[in-house]
Amino acid sequence: MRNFLNDLGMTLCVGAMGLLAACGSVDEDKEPVGSSGAGGSGGADGLDARQACMNFCNALNASGCEDAESDCEDFCDDAIEDAGALCEDKAAVLFTCALPYASACPDDVPPSCEAQMAEVQTCMETHGCGAGELCSGGGAVGGETTCSCEATCLGKRHQTQCETPAGGTTTCVCLVDSVEVGTCQEPLPDQCGVRESCCQEFFNLP
């Protein structure tokens, strides 16, 4: 699903906060449908983050921006989980700010909501893992595979470097700010994310 969190999550509208990801290009000089001119002020209006997310997602679907099978329940569960408990309030403000723009099917965060997006990203990087986890890897001629990921979590760079020899067991090296903090064996070779891999036993991320 398109969402602002993926742009974070690649921030929140993932599986992310990763919060609001890309949602359709917005003309900065054009007022959003239903806006009284204050569309960029944000404010959750007393809504919790999940309800604010559901309102935004349902508005996208109602405007035909998403496929009919788009599941707002799963989308918002992932988004709020990515944001983390300490950043839910900021996520609610972001979704509320973006709501008036949903009918325009934006591909980018509305200019008037960029400050709210930045606050979510900063919060996630301070209290959890911010948007933009990068992973790479693949197989080699001999049958061995590699998988590496890195992300900024709690203000520090966390990295995993996992290798699986042909027919062997996956071993991951775990680093924080380029310093090795441990090694571990991973039962699932494709699970090398900083929070999903066996390195989590050393990282202990929220």
C-alpha atoms as a PDB file:
ATOM      1  CA  MET A   1       0.000   0.000   0.000  1.00  0.00           C
ATOM      2  CA  ARG A   2       1.207   3.503  -0.771  1.00  0.00           C
ATOM      3  CA  ASN A   3       1.659   5.495   2.410  1.00  0.00           C
ATOM      4  CA  PHE A   4       3.670   8.212   4.077  1.00  0.00           C
ATOM      5  CA  LEU A   5       5.053   5.698   6.550  1.00  0.00           C
ATOM      6  CA  ASN A   6       6.919   3.905   3.834  1.00  0.00           C
ATOM      7  CA  ASP A   7       8.738   7.097   2.996  1.00  0.00           C
ATOM      8  CA  LEU A   8       9.565   7.451   6.628  1.00  0.00           C
ATOM      9  CA  GLY A   9       9.682   3.469   6.016  1.00  0.00           C
ATOM     10  CA  MET A  10      10.774   3.201   4.964  1.00  0.00           C
ATOM     11  CA  THR A  11       9.388   5.493   7.950  1.00  0.00           C
ATOM     12  CA  LEU A  12       5.935   4.706   9.196  1.00  0.00           C
ATOM     13  CA  CYS A  13       3.348   4.093   6.620  1.00  0.00           C
ATOM     14  CA  VAL A  14       5.308   0.925   6.101  1.00  0.00           C
ATOM     15  CA  GLY A  15       6.182  -1.378   8.208  1.00  0.00           C
ATOM     16  CA  ALA A  16       7.413   1.496   9.178  1.00  0.00           C
ATOM     17  CA  MET A  17       7.195   4.482  11.337  1.00  0.00           C
ATOM     18  CA  GLY A  18       8.458   3.298   8.833  1.00  0.00           C
ATOM     19  CA  LEU A  19       5.029   6.841   9.469  1.00  0.00           C
ATOM     20  CA  LEU A  20       3.490   8.222   6.411  1.00  0.00           C
ATOM     21  CA  ALA A  21       5.102   7.036   3.209  1.00  0.00           C
ATOM     22  CA  ALA A  22       4.601   8.298  -0.312  1.00  0.00           C
ATOM     23  CA  CYS A  23       0.998   9.080  -1.130  1.00  0.00           C
ATOM     24  CA  GLY A  24       0.784  11.007  -4.483  1.00  0.00           C
ATOM     25  CA  SER A  25       2.215  14.331  -5.541  1.00  0.00           C
ATOM     26  CA  VAL A  26       0.658  17.369  -3.901  1.00  0.00           C
ATOM     27  CA  ASP A  27       0.598  20.852  -5.388  1.00  0.00           C
ATOM     28  CA  GLU A  28       1.965  23.108  -2.657  1.00  0.00           C
ATOM     29  CA  ASP A  29      -0.240  25.981  -3.800  1.00  0.00           C
ATOM     30  CA  LYS A  30      -3.421  23.926  -3.965  1.00  0.00           C
ATOM     31  CA  GLU A  31      -5.706  23.631  -0.973  1.00  0.00           C
ATOM     32  CA  PRO A  32      -6.700  20.036  -0.100  1.00  0.00           C
ATOM     33  CA  VAL A  33     -10.280  19.006  -0.619  1.00  0.00           C
ATOM     34  CA  GLY A  34     -12.306  19.819   2.473  1.00  0.00           C
ATOM     35  CA  SER A  35      -9.598  22.097   3.860  1.00  0.00           C
ATOM     36  CA  SER A  36     -10.365  25.447   5.391  1.00  0.00           C
ATOM     37  CA  GLY A  37      -6.797  26.548   4.813  1.00  0.00           C
ATOM     38  CA  ALA A  38      -5.437  25.006   8.016  1.00  0.00           C
ATOM     39  CA  GLY A  39      -4.723  21.592   6.586  1.00  0.00           C
ATOM     40  CA  GLY A  40      -1.066  21.799   7.545  1.00  0.00           C
ATOM     41  CA  SER A  41      -1.569  22.586  11.206  1.00  0.00           C
ATOM     42  CA  GLY A  42      -1.843  18.933  12.173  1.00  0.00           C
ATOM     43  CA  GLY A  43      -3.285  18.009  15.537  1.00  0.00           C
ATOM     44  CA  ALA A  44      -4.782  14.660  16.431  1.00  0.00           C
ATOM     45  CA  ASP A  45      -8.065  16.140  17.691  1.00  0.00           C
ATOM     46  CA  GLY A  46      -8.081  13.652  20.545  1.00  0.00           C
ATOM     47  CA  LEU A  47      -7.770  10.615  18.262  1.00  0.00           C
ATOM     48  CA  ASP A  48      -5.343   7.856  19.114  1.00  0.00           C
ATOM     49  CA  ALA A  49      -2.732   6.989  16.511  1.00  0.00           C
ATOM     50  CA  ARG A  50      -4.492   3.893  15.215  1.00  0.00           C
ATOM     51  CA  GLN A  51      -7.801   5.688  14.663  1.00  0.00           C
ATOM     52  CA  ALA A  52      -6.032   8.580  12.954  1.00  0.00           C
ATOM     53  CA  CYS A  53      -4.265   6.057  10.693  1.00  0.00           C
ATOM     54  CA  MET A  54      -7.534   4.234   9.932  1.00  0.00           C
ATOM     55  CA  ASN A  55      -9.200   7.525   8.988  1.00  0.00           C
ATOM     56  CA  PHE A  56      -6.368   8.327   6.590  1.00  0.00           C
ATOM     57  CA  CYS A  57      -6.228   4.846   5.066  1.00  0.00           C
ATOM     58  CA  ASN A  58     -10.003   4.612   4.645  1.00  0.00           C
ATOM     59  CA  ALA A  59     -10.004   8.023   2.971  1.00  0.00           C
ATOM     60  CA  LEU A  60      -7.388   6.820   0.473  1.00  0.00           C
ATOM     61  CA  ASN A  61      -9.477   3.749  -0.319  1.00  0.00           C
ATOM     62  CA  ALA A  62     -12.704   5.767  -0.590  1.00  0.00           C
ATOM     63  CA  SER A  63     -11.002   8.075  -3.095  1.00  0.00           C
ATOM     64  CA  GLY A  64      -9.915   5.120  -5.248  1.00  0.00           C
ATOM     65  CA  CYS A  65      -6.242   5.714  -4.458  1.00  0.00           C
ATOM     66  CA  GLU A  66      -5.656   2.118  -3.392  1.00  0.00           C
ATOM     67  CA  ASP A  67      -6.680  -1.306  -4.636  1.00  0.00           C
ATOM     68  CA  ALA A  68      -9.993  -2.553  -3.324  1.00  0.00           C
ATOM     69  CA  GLU A  69      -8.213  -5.307  -1.379  1.00  0.00           C
ATOM     70  CA  SER A  70      -6.030  -2.863   0.545  1.00  0.00           C
ATOM     71  CA  ASP A  71      -6.338  -3.808   4.216  1.00  0.00           C
ATOM     72  CA  CYS A  72      -6.354  -0.793   6.510  1.00  0.00           C
ATOM     73  CA  GLU A  73      -6.358  -2.962   9.630  1.00  0.00           C
ATOM     74  CA  ASP A  74      -3.034  -4.591   8.711  1.00  0.00           C
ATOM     75  CA  PHE A  75      -1.619  -1.341   7.350  1.00  0.00           C
ATOM     76  CA  CYS A  76      -2.306   0.586  10.552  1.00  0.00           C
ATOM     77  CA  ASP A  77      -1.246  -2.265  12.840  1.00  0.00           C
ATOM     78  CA  ASP A  78       2.145  -2.286  11.085  1.00  0.00           C
ATOM     79  CA  ALA A  79       2.415   1.507  11.051  1.00  0.00           C
ATOM     80  CA  ILE A  80       1.719   1.920  14.768  1.00  0.00           C
ATOM     81  CA  GLU A  81       4.010  -0.965  15.669  1.00  0.00           C
ATOM     82  CA  ASP A  82       6.793   0.654  13.640  1.00  0.00           C
ATOM     83  CA  ALA A  83       6.228   4.018  15.298  1.00  0.00           C
ATOM     84  CA  GLY A  84       6.483   2.558  18.781  1.00  0.00           C
ATOM     85  CA  ALA A  85       4.548   3.468  21.909  1.00  0.00           C
ATOM     86  CA  LEU A  86       6.646   6.567  22.632  1.00  0.00           C
ATOM     87  CA  CYS A  87       5.998   8.058  19.187  1.00  0.00           C
ATOM     88  CA  GLU A  88       2.307   7.202  18.711  1.00  0.00           C
ATOM     89  CA  ASP A  89       1.100  10.695  19.555  1.00  0.00           C
ATOM     90  CA  LYS A  90       3.330  12.260  16.910  1.00  0.00           C
ATOM     91  CA  ALA A  91       2.128   9.649  14.404  1.00  0.00           C
ATOM     92  CA  ALA A  92      -1.473  10.608  15.163  1.00  0.00           C
ATOM     93  CA  VAL A  93      -0.660  14.270  14.458  1.00  0.00           C
ATOM     94  CA  LEU A  94       0.982  13.319  11.169  1.00  0.00           C
ATOM     95  CA  PHE A  95      -1.948  11.211   9.921  1.00  0.00           C
ATOM     96  CA  THR A  96      -4.406  13.903  10.967  1.00  0.00           C
ATOM     97  CA  CYS A  97      -2.409  16.549   9.093  1.00  0.00           C
ATOM     98  CA  ALA A  98      -2.349  14.387   5.949  1.00  0.00           C
ATOM     99  CA  LEU A  99      -6.032  13.409   6.060  1.00  0.00           C
ATOM    100  CA  PRO A 100      -7.387  16.409   4.071  1.00  0.00           C
ATOM    101  CA  TYR A 101      -5.006  15.520   1.218  1.00  0.00           C
ATOM    102  CA  ALA A 102      -6.092  11.881   0.892  1.00  0.00           C
ATOM    103  CA  SER A 103      -8.645  12.607  -1.827  1.00  0.00           C
ATOM    104  CA  ALA A 104      -5.828  13.922  -4.053  1.00  0.00           C
ATOM    105  CA  CYS A 105      -4.020  10.545  -3.876  1.00  0.00           C
ATOM    106  CA  PRO A 106      -0.670  12.221  -3.116  1.00  0.00           C
ATOM    107  CA  ASP A 107       2.641  10.495  -3.883  1.00  0.00           C
ATOM    108  CA  ASP A 108       4.618  12.671  -1.475  1.00  0.00           C
ATOM    109  CA  VAL A 109       4.105  14.036   1.994  1.00  0.00           C
ATOM    110  CA  PRO A 110       2.144  17.303   1.687  1.00  0.00           C
ATOM    111  CA  PRO A 111       4.521  20.256   2.147  1.00  0.00           C
ATOM    112  CA  SER A 112       2.457  21.512   5.077  1.00  0.00           C
ATOM    113  CA  CYS A 113       2.960  18.176   6.883  1.00  0.00           C
ATOM    114  CA  GLU A 114       6.733  17.905   6.450  1.00  0.00           C
ATOM    115  CA  ALA A 115       7.402  19.277   9.941  1.00  0.00           C
ATOM    116  CA  GLN A 116       5.138  16.619  11.451  1.00  0.00           C
ATOM    117  CA  MET A 117       6.913  13.940   9.419  1.00  0.00           C
ATOM    118  CA  ALA A 118      10.284  15.178  10.664  1.00  0.00           C
ATOM    119  CA  GLU A 119       9.059  15.014  14.263  1.00  0.00           C
ATOM    120  CA  VAL A 120       7.988  11.390  13.812  1.00  0.00           C
ATOM    121  CA  GLN A 121      11.330  10.466  12.265  1.00  0.00           C
ATOM    122  CA  THR A 122      13.285  12.171  15.022  1.00  0.00           C
ATOM    123  CA  CYS A 123      11.172  10.494  17.679  1.00  0.00           C
ATOM    124  CA  MET A 124      11.631   7.070  16.106  1.00  0.00           C
ATOM    125  CA  GLU A 125      15.375   7.507  15.804  1.00  0.00           C
ATOM    126  CA  THR A 126      15.545   8.561  19.462  1.00  0.00           C
ATOM    127  CA  HIS A 127      13.244   5.921  20.956  1.00  0.00           C
ATOM    128  CA  GLY A 128      13.347   3.100  18.413  1.00  0.00           C
ATOM    129  CA  CYS A 129      14.427   2.474  14.830  1.00  0.00           C
ATOM    130  CA  GLY A 130      13.830   5.288  12.395  1.00  0.00           C
ATOM    131  CA  ALA A 131      12.861   4.979   8.781  1.00  0.00           C
ATOM    132  CA  GLY A 132      15.172   3.789   6.118  1.00  0.00           C
ATOM    133  CA  GLU A 133      16.528   0.382   7.126  1.00  0.00           C
ATOM    134  CA  LEU A 134      18.778  -0.696   4.268  1.00  0.00           C
ATOM    135  CA  CYS A 135      19.383  -4.356   3.430  1.00  0.00           C
ATOM    136  CA  SER A 136      21.406  -6.059   0.736  1.00  0.00           C
ATOM    137  CA  GLY A 137      22.682  -9.501  -0.146  1.00  0.00           C
ATOM    138  CA  GLY A 138      22.159 -12.500  -2.368  1.00  0.00           C
ATOM    139  CA  GLY A 139      23.573 -15.815  -3.480  1.00  0.00           C
ATOM    140  CA  ALA A 140      26.983 -16.728  -4.898  1.00  0.00           C
ATOM    141  CA  VAL A 141      28.118 -19.322  -7.420  1.00  0.00           C
ATOM    142  CA  GLY A 142      29.150 -21.736  -4.681  1.00  0.00           C
ATOM    143  CA  GLY A 143      25.714 -21.736  -3.113  1.00  0.00           C
ATOM    144  CA  GLU A 144      26.539 -19.527  -0.145  1.00  0.00           C
ATOM    145  CA  THR A 145      24.342 -16.498   0.589  1.00  0.00           C
ATOM    146  CA  THR A 146      24.840 -13.212   2.378  1.00  0.00           C
ATOM    147  CA  CYS A 147      22.443 -10.716   3.911  1.00  0.00           C
ATOM    148  CA  SER A 148      23.259  -7.422   5.638  1.00  0.00           C
ATOM    149  CA  CYS A 149      21.069  -4.706   7.131  1.00  0.00           C
ATOM    150  CA  GLU A 150      21.642  -1.403   8.877  1.00  0.00           C
ATOM    151  CA  ALA A 151      19.414   1.167  10.563  1.00  0.00           C
ATOM    152  CA  THR A 152      19.633   4.022  13.053  1.00  0.00           C
ATOM    153  CA  CYS A 153      18.021   2.925  16.314  1.00  0.00           C
ATOM    154  CA  LEU A 154      18.080   4.791  19.637  1.00  0.00           C
ATOM    155  CA  GLY A 155      20.445   7.272  18.043  1.00  0.00           C
ATOM    156  CA  LYS A 156      23.053   4.651  17.077  1.00  0.00           C
ATOM    157  CA  ARG A 157      23.804   2.808  13.853  1.00  0.00           C
ATOM    158  CA  HIS A 158      22.943  -0.897  14.137  1.00  0.00           C
ATOM    159  CA  GLN A 159      24.237  -3.357  11.545  1.00  0.00           C
ATOM    160  CA  THR A 160      23.903  -7.066  10.839  1.00  0.00           C
ATOM    161  CA  GLN A 161      26.242  -9.013   8.567  1.00  0.00           C
ATOM    162  CA  CYS A 162      24.966 -12.546   8.003  1.00  0.00           C
ATOM    163  CA  GLU A 163      26.537 -15.336   5.942  1.00  0.00           C
ATOM    164  CA  THR A 164      25.185 -18.781   5.100  1.00  0.00           C
ATOM    165  CA  PRO A 165      27.578 -21.340   3.561  1.00  0.00           C
ATOM    166  CA  ALA A 166      26.039 -23.794   1.084  1.00  0.00           C
ATOM    167  CA  GLY A 167      24.002 -26.232   3.144  1.00  0.00           C
ATOM    168  CA  GLY A 168      25.329 -24.686   6.356  1.00  0.00           C
ATOM    169  CA  THR A 169      24.127 -22.605   9.287  1.00  0.00           C
ATOM    170  CA  THR A 170      23.730 -18.850   9.078  1.00  0.00           C
ATOM    171  CA  THR A 171      26.091 -16.817  11.252  1.00  0.00           C
ATOM    172  CA  CYS A 172      25.505 -13.116  11.902  1.00  0.00           C
ATOM    173  CA  VAL A 173      27.968 -10.505  13.102  1.00  0.00           C
ATOM    174  CA  CYS A 174      26.237  -7.727  15.045  1.00  0.00           C
ATOM    175  CA  LEU A 175      27.648  -4.190  15.193  1.00  0.00           C
ATOM    176  CA  VAL A 176      26.684  -0.925  16.890  1.00  0.00           C
ATOM    177  CA  ASP A 177      28.344   2.211  15.538  1.00  0.00           C
ATOM    178  CA  SER A 178      30.771  -0.061  13.642  1.00  0.00           C
ATOM    179  CA  VAL A 179      31.837  -1.887  16.842  1.00  0.00           C
ATOM    180  CA  GLU A 180      31.150  -5.635  17.001  1.00  0.00           C
ATOM    181  CA  VAL A 181      28.919  -6.449  19.971  1.00  0.00           C
ATOM    182  CA  GLY A 182      28.428 -10.158  19.317  1.00  0.00           C
ATOM    183  CA  THR A 183      27.860 -13.017  16.882  1.00  0.00           C
ATOM    184  CA  CYS A 184      24.972 -15.438  16.700  1.00  0.00           C
ATOM    185  CA  GLN A 185      23.412 -18.186  14.607  1.00  0.00           C
ATOM    186  CA  GLU A 186      20.215 -17.441  12.724  1.00  0.00           C
ATOM    187  CA  PRO A 187      17.754 -20.280  11.994  1.00  0.00           C
ATOM    188  CA  LEU A 188      16.135 -18.329   9.133  1.00  0.00           C
ATOM    189  CA  PRO A 189      18.758 -17.124   6.604  1.00  0.00           C
ATOM    190  CA  ASP A 190      16.484 -14.426   5.188  1.00  0.00           C
ATOM    191  CA  GLN A 191      15.857 -12.859   8.608  1.00  0.00           C
ATOM    192  CA  CYS A 192      18.709 -10.372   8.865  1.00  0.00           C
ATOM    193  CA  GLY A 193      16.889  -7.188   9.889  1.00  0.00           C
ATOM    194  CA  VAL A 194      18.256  -5.368  12.912  1.00  0.00           C
ATOM    195  CA  ARG A 195      15.132  -6.232  14.924  1.00  0.00           C
ATOM    196  CA  GLU A 196      14.210  -9.537  13.258  1.00  0.00           C
ATOM    197  CA  SER A 197      17.554 -11.369  13.243  1.00  0.00           C
ATOM    198  CA  CYS A 198      19.316 -13.152  16.077  1.00  0.00           C
ATOM    199  CA  CYS A 199      21.322  -9.944  16.640  1.00  0.00           C
ATOM    200  CA  GLN A 200      18.307  -8.637  18.538  1.00  0.00           C
ATOM    201  CA  GLU A 201      19.611 -10.555  21.573  1.00  0.00           C
ATOM    202  CA  PHE A 202      22.536  -8.101  21.598  1.00  0.00           C
ATOM    203  CA  PHE A 203      20.700  -5.023  20.327  1.00  0.00           C
ATOM    204  CA  ASN A 204      17.625  -5.398  22.579  1.00  0.00           C
ATOM    205  CA  LEU A 205      15.697  -2.897  20.482  1.00  0.00           C
ATOM    206  CA  PRO A 206      12.086  -1.915  21.229  1.00  0.00           C
END
